Amino acid sequence: MSESENKVRVGVEVFILHPSSTPSNPLFLMGKRLVPHGHDQWANPGGHLEFGETLEECAVREVLEETGLVLQKEKMKFLTATNSLMEAGPRRDGKEGLEGKHYVAIWMVGTWNGKGAGPRNLEGEKNGEWEWVGLEETRRWAGVEGMLFQPVLDLLRERGEVLESLV
């Protein structure tokens, strides 16, 4: 195994709550991935933690880069962390195979203030359109093969109880 194949990467994933969210009905932003890993699967906004960056800074930066939404770093909350192994294999889009990857996903929560135009797809080569979805809908998707990106699926299966405290 080469050095590049055996690195553990750190991803910061963000539950962006809609201002109308309630404890019984949290609404958060998800979009379909267009990149090879997780192609055509639903995922939260997020990305790689950069050297020297805090978790809050990474979450705010990734959300801004992907959606145009401005979240306040001071109001960003840590939710949990998950460990995701993505095996090598065929790509969902029919192209050449995928390399295996290992991610530690840090899950953060922030709330959009409802001001401005709302989320925009600023990285169209990486993501499909963003949609506000509910927790129950996401849990149903977990039962459909290939619907959710592996880290989201791992979160629901391994630490799903923490999602009860999103709002």
C-alpha atoms as a PDB file:
ATOM      1  CA  MET A   1       0.000   0.000   0.000  1.00  0.00           C
ATOM      2  CA  SER A   2       1.461   3.368  -0.967  1.00  0.00           C
ATOM      3  CA  GLU A   3       1.733   6.237   1.489  1.00  0.00           C
ATOM      4  CA  SER A   4      -1.116   8.107  -0.213  1.00  0.00           C
ATOM      5  CA  GLU A   5      -3.421   5.092   0.118  1.00  0.00           C
ATOM      6  CA  ASN A   6      -3.023   4.633   3.864  1.00  0.00           C
ATOM      7  CA  LYS A   7      -3.641   8.148   5.158  1.00  0.00           C
ATOM      8  CA  VAL A   8      -6.529   8.904   7.442  1.00  0.00           C
ATOM      9  CA  ARG A   9      -8.211  12.117   6.353  1.00  0.00           C
ATOM     10  CA  VAL A  10     -10.233  14.508   8.532  1.00  0.00           C
ATOM     11  CA  GLY A  11     -13.486  15.804   7.121  1.00  0.00           C
ATOM     12  CA  VAL A  12     -15.729  18.404   8.731  1.00  0.00           C
ATOM     13  CA  GLU A  13     -19.415  17.903   7.903  1.00  0.00           C
ATOM     14  CA  VAL A  14     -22.055  20.483   8.786  1.00  0.00           C
ATOM     15  CA  PHE A  15     -25.709  20.272   9.706  1.00  0.00           C
ATOM     16  CA  ILE A  16     -26.965  23.700   8.607  1.00  0.00           C
ATOM     17  CA  LEU A  17     -30.305  24.162  10.321  1.00  0.00           C
ATOM     18  CA  HIS A  18     -33.100  26.101   8.652  1.00  0.00           C
ATOM     19  CA  PRO A  19     -34.420  28.939  10.871  1.00  0.00           C
ATOM     20  CA  SER A  20     -37.840  27.240  11.006  1.00  0.00           C
ATOM     21  CA  SER A  21     -36.346  24.085  12.558  1.00  0.00           C
ATOM     22  CA  THR A  22     -37.881  22.820  15.768  1.00  0.00           C
ATOM     23  CA  PRO A  23     -36.719  20.034  18.087  1.00  0.00           C
ATOM     24  CA  SER A  24     -39.475  17.788  16.720  1.00  0.00           C
ATOM     25  CA  ASN A  25     -38.834  18.747  13.090  1.00  0.00           C
ATOM     26  CA  PRO A  26     -35.232  19.742  12.368  1.00  0.00           C
ATOM     27  CA  LEU A  27     -34.665  20.812   8.755  1.00  0.00           C
ATOM     28  CA  PHE A  28     -31.126  20.832   7.419  1.00  0.00           C
ATOM     29  CA  LEU A  29     -29.318  21.252   4.141  1.00  0.00           C
ATOM     30  CA  MET A  30     -28.237  18.276   2.038  1.00  0.00           C
ATOM     31  CA  GLY A  31     -27.188  17.863  -1.561  1.00  0.00           C
ATOM     32  CA  LYS A  32     -26.288  15.124  -4.018  1.00  0.00           C
ATOM     33  CA  ARG A  33     -22.572  14.580  -4.509  1.00  0.00           C
ATOM     34  CA  LEU A  34     -21.162  14.608  -8.038  1.00  0.00           C
ATOM     35  CA  VAL A  35     -17.587  13.609  -7.164  1.00  0.00           C
ATOM     36  CA  PRO A  36     -16.469   9.951  -7.542  1.00  0.00           C
ATOM     37  CA  HIS A  37     -16.701   8.984  -3.855  1.00  0.00           C
ATOM     38  CA  GLY A  38     -20.390   9.093  -3.019  1.00  0.00           C
ATOM     39  CA  HIS A  39     -21.466   9.991  -6.562  1.00  0.00           C
ATOM     40  CA  ASP A  40     -25.224  10.657  -6.663  1.00  0.00           C
ATOM     41  CA  GLN A  41     -25.544  10.164  -2.889  1.00  0.00           C
ATOM     42  CA  TRP A  42     -26.972  12.671  -0.405  1.00  0.00           C
ATOM     43  CA  ALA A  43     -24.583  14.407   1.988  1.00  0.00           C
ATOM     44  CA  ASN A  44     -24.225  17.471   4.186  1.00  0.00           C
ATOM     45  CA  PRO A  45     -21.985  20.360   3.146  1.00  0.00           C
ATOM     46  CA  GLY A  46     -18.421  19.877   4.304  1.00  0.00           C
ATOM     47  CA  GLY A  47     -14.852  19.194   3.354  1.00  0.00           C
ATOM     48  CA  HIS A  48     -11.294  18.694   4.486  1.00  0.00           C
ATOM     49  CA  LEU A  49      -9.847  20.302   7.581  1.00  0.00           C
ATOM     50  CA  GLU A  50      -6.885  22.455   6.550  1.00  0.00           C
ATOM     51  CA  PHE A  51      -3.644  22.721   8.496  1.00  0.00           C
ATOM     52  CA  GLY A  52      -3.932  25.251  11.347  1.00  0.00           C
ATOM     53  CA  GLU A  53      -7.705  25.586  11.024  1.00  0.00           C
ATOM     54  CA  THR A  54     -10.145  25.160  13.910  1.00  0.00           C
ATOM     55  CA  LEU A  55     -13.170  22.913  13.422  1.00  0.00           C
ATOM     56  CA  GLU A  56     -15.425  25.965  13.544  1.00  0.00           C
ATOM     57  CA  GLU A  57     -13.349  27.829  10.948  1.00  0.00           C
ATOM     58  CA  CYS A  58     -13.404  24.833   8.628  1.00  0.00           C
ATOM     59  CA  ALA A  59     -17.175  24.431   8.973  1.00  0.00           C
ATOM     60  CA  VAL A  60     -17.839  28.113   8.247  1.00  0.00           C
ATOM     61  CA  ARG A  61     -15.406  28.133   5.289  1.00  0.00           C
ATOM     62  CA  GLU A  62     -16.782  24.974   3.684  1.00  0.00           C
ATOM     63  CA  VAL A  63     -20.392  26.139   4.027  1.00  0.00           C
ATOM     64  CA  LEU A  64     -19.534  29.503   2.459  1.00  0.00           C
ATOM     65  CA  GLU A  65     -17.561  27.893  -0.400  1.00  0.00           C
ATOM     66  CA  GLU A  66     -20.260  25.352  -1.222  1.00  0.00           C
ATOM     67  CA  THR A  67     -23.515  27.209  -0.494  1.00  0.00           C
ATOM     68  CA  GLY A  68     -22.769  30.919  -0.138  1.00  0.00           C
ATOM     69  CA  LEU A  69     -24.373  30.887   3.320  1.00  0.00           C
ATOM     70  CA  VAL A  70     -22.561  32.853   6.015  1.00  0.00           C
ATOM     71  CA  LEU A  71     -22.612  31.134   9.404  1.00  0.00           C
ATOM     72  CA  GLN A  72     -21.182  32.570  12.598  1.00  0.00           C
ATOM     73  CA  LYS A  73     -18.122  30.741  13.866  1.00  0.00           C
ATOM     74  CA  GLU A  74     -19.033  31.583  17.475  1.00  0.00           C
ATOM     75  CA  LYS A  75     -22.395  29.818  17.129  1.00  0.00           C
ATOM     76  CA  MET A  76     -21.022  26.665  15.517  1.00  0.00           C
ATOM     77  CA  LYS A  77     -21.400  23.610  17.793  1.00  0.00           C
ATOM     78  CA  PHE A  78     -19.623  20.254  17.850  1.00  0.00           C
ATOM     79  CA  LEU A  79     -22.086  17.363  17.502  1.00  0.00           C
ATOM     80  CA  THR A  80     -20.022  14.155  17.313  1.00  0.00           C
ATOM     81  CA  ALA A  81     -17.356  12.314  15.320  1.00  0.00           C
ATOM     82  CA  THR A  82     -17.551   9.169  13.208  1.00  0.00           C
ATOM     83  CA  ASN A  83     -15.050   6.815  11.607  1.00  0.00           C
ATOM     84  CA  SER A  84     -15.752   5.890   7.977  1.00  0.00           C
ATOM     85  CA  LEU A  85     -13.983   3.325   5.841  1.00  0.00           C
ATOM     86  CA  MET A  86     -14.803   3.549   2.161  1.00  0.00           C
ATOM     87  CA  GLU A  87     -13.661   0.437   0.355  1.00  0.00           C
ATOM     88  CA  ALA A  88     -12.031   0.373  -3.051  1.00  0.00           C
ATOM     89  CA  GLY A  89     -14.371  -0.743  -5.799  1.00  0.00           C
ATOM     90  CA  PRO A  90     -16.398   0.270  -8.816  1.00  0.00           C
ATOM     91  CA  ARG A  91     -17.676   3.805  -9.159  1.00  0.00           C
ATOM     92  CA  ARG A  92     -21.396   4.474  -9.143  1.00  0.00           C
ATOM     93  CA  ASP A  93     -21.078   6.559 -12.313  1.00  0.00           C
ATOM     94  CA  GLY A  94     -19.634   3.654 -14.338  1.00  0.00           C
ATOM     95  CA  LYS A  95     -16.123   5.078 -14.679  1.00  0.00           C
ATOM     96  CA  GLU A  96     -12.885   3.474 -13.455  1.00  0.00           C
ATOM     97  CA  GLY A  97     -12.685   2.098  -9.918  1.00  0.00           C
ATOM     98  CA  LEU A  98     -12.336   3.991  -6.661  1.00  0.00           C
ATOM     99  CA  GLU A  99      -9.418   3.877  -4.274  1.00  0.00           C
ATOM    100  CA  GLY A 100     -10.208   3.002  -0.678  1.00  0.00           C
ATOM    101  CA  LYS A 101     -10.410   5.904   1.761  1.00  0.00           C
ATOM    102  CA  HIS A 102     -10.505   6.279   5.529  1.00  0.00           C
ATOM    103  CA  TYR A 103     -12.100   9.385   7.029  1.00  0.00           C
ATOM    104  CA  VAL A 104     -12.712  10.668  10.503  1.00  0.00           C
ATOM    105  CA  ALA A 105     -15.755  12.894  10.090  1.00  0.00           C
ATOM    106  CA  ILE A 106     -16.239  15.711  12.576  1.00  0.00           C
ATOM    107  CA  TRP A 107     -19.924  16.703  12.658  1.00  0.00           C
ATOM    108  CA  MET A 108     -20.767  20.328  13.415  1.00  0.00           C
ATOM    109  CA  VAL A 109     -24.096  22.176  13.718  1.00  0.00           C
ATOM    110  CA  GLY A 110     -24.864  25.756  12.719  1.00  0.00           C
ATOM    111  CA  THR A 111     -28.054  27.683  11.973  1.00  0.00           C
ATOM    112  CA  TRP A 112     -28.708  29.819   8.906  1.00  0.00           C
ATOM    113  CA  ASN A 113     -30.310  33.119   9.937  1.00  0.00           C
ATOM    114  CA  GLY A 114     -32.759  33.086   7.018  1.00  0.00           C
ATOM    115  CA  LYS A 115     -31.374  36.278   5.496  1.00  0.00           C
ATOM    116  CA  GLY A 116     -30.344  36.583   1.884  1.00  0.00           C
ATOM    117  CA  ALA A 117     -31.159  34.417  -1.095  1.00  0.00           C
ATOM    118  CA  GLY A 118     -30.616  31.099   0.633  1.00  0.00           C
ATOM    119  CA  PRO A 119     -28.245  28.346  -0.386  1.00  0.00           C
ATOM    120  CA  ARG A 120     -26.723  28.403  -3.860  1.00  0.00           C
ATOM    121  CA  ASN A 121     -24.761  25.690  -5.618  1.00  0.00           C
ATOM    122  CA  LEU A 122     -21.348  27.351  -5.850  1.00  0.00           C
ATOM    123  CA  GLU A 123     -19.401  24.177  -6.633  1.00  0.00           C
ATOM    124  CA  GLY A 124     -21.512  22.680  -9.393  1.00  0.00           C
ATOM    125  CA  GLU A 125     -18.744  20.293 -10.397  1.00  0.00           C
ATOM    126  CA  LYS A 126     -18.874  18.726  -6.906  1.00  0.00           C
ATOM    127  CA  ASN A 127     -22.499  19.025  -5.787  1.00  0.00           C
ATOM    128  CA  GLY A 128     -26.002  18.935  -7.174  1.00  0.00           C
ATOM    129  CA  GLU A 129     -28.628  21.373  -5.919  1.00  0.00           C
ATOM    130  CA  TRP A 130     -29.081  21.853  -2.184  1.00  0.00           C
ATOM    131  CA  GLU A 131     -32.359  20.919  -0.501  1.00  0.00           C
ATOM    132  CA  TRP A 132     -33.789  21.343   2.988  1.00  0.00           C
ATOM    133  CA  VAL A 133     -34.597  17.873   4.312  1.00  0.00           C
ATOM    134  CA  GLY A 134     -35.956  16.532   7.572  1.00  0.00           C
ATOM    135  CA  LEU A 135     -34.481  14.024   9.981  1.00  0.00           C
ATOM    136  CA  GLU A 136     -37.190  11.414   9.391  1.00  0.00           C
ATOM    137  CA  GLU A 137     -36.698  11.641   5.626  1.00  0.00           C
ATOM    138  CA  THR A 138     -32.957  11.152   6.078  1.00  0.00           C
ATOM    139  CA  ARG A 139     -33.552   8.144   8.323  1.00  0.00           C
ATOM    140  CA  ARG A 140     -35.773   6.610   5.622  1.00  0.00           C
ATOM    141  CA  TRP A 141     -33.025   7.172   3.061  1.00  0.00           C
ATOM    142  CA  ALA A 142     -30.663   5.148   5.268  1.00  0.00           C
ATOM    143  CA  GLY A 143     -32.751   2.090   4.404  1.00  0.00           C
ATOM    144  CA  VAL A 144     -32.333   2.606   0.658  1.00  0.00           C
ATOM    145  CA  GLU A 145     -29.130   1.126  -0.769  1.00  0.00           C
ATOM    146  CA  GLY A 146     -26.792   3.815  -2.105  1.00  0.00           C
ATOM    147  CA  MET A 147     -28.959   6.795  -1.136  1.00  0.00           C
ATOM    148  CA  LEU A 148     -26.667   8.332   1.524  1.00  0.00           C
ATOM    149  CA  PHE A 149     -22.942   9.070   1.475  1.00  0.00           C
ATOM    150  CA  GLN A 150     -21.050   6.614   3.711  1.00  0.00           C
ATOM    151  CA  PRO A 151     -20.184   9.098   6.513  1.00  0.00           C
ATOM    152  CA  VAL A 152     -23.868  10.131   6.782  1.00  0.00           C
ATOM    153  CA  LEU A 153     -24.896   6.488   6.904  1.00  0.00           C
ATOM    154  CA  ASP A 154     -22.266   5.778   9.564  1.00  0.00           C
ATOM    155  CA  LEU A 155     -23.537   8.717  11.621  1.00  0.00           C
ATOM    156  CA  LEU A 156     -27.118   7.442  11.510  1.00  0.00           C
ATOM    157  CA  ARG A 157     -26.126   3.853  12.317  1.00  0.00           C
ATOM    158  CA  GLU A 158     -23.476   4.479  14.964  1.00  0.00           C
ATOM    159  CA  ARG A 159     -24.486   7.750  16.617  1.00  0.00           C
ATOM    160  CA  GLY A 160     -28.030   8.400  15.459  1.00  0.00           C
ATOM    161  CA  GLU A 161     -29.193   9.328  18.954  1.00  0.00           C
ATOM    162  CA  VAL A 162     -27.164  12.570  18.870  1.00  0.00           C
ATOM    163  CA  LEU A 163     -29.387  13.825  16.064  1.00  0.00           C
ATOM    164  CA  GLU A 164     -32.223  14.182  18.574  1.00  0.00           C
ATOM    165  CA  SER A 165     -30.356  17.218  19.938  1.00  0.00           C
ATOM    166  CA  LEU A 166     -29.782  19.075  16.648  1.00  0.00           C
ATOM    167  CA  VAL A 167     -32.048  21.995  17.594  1.00  0.00           C
END
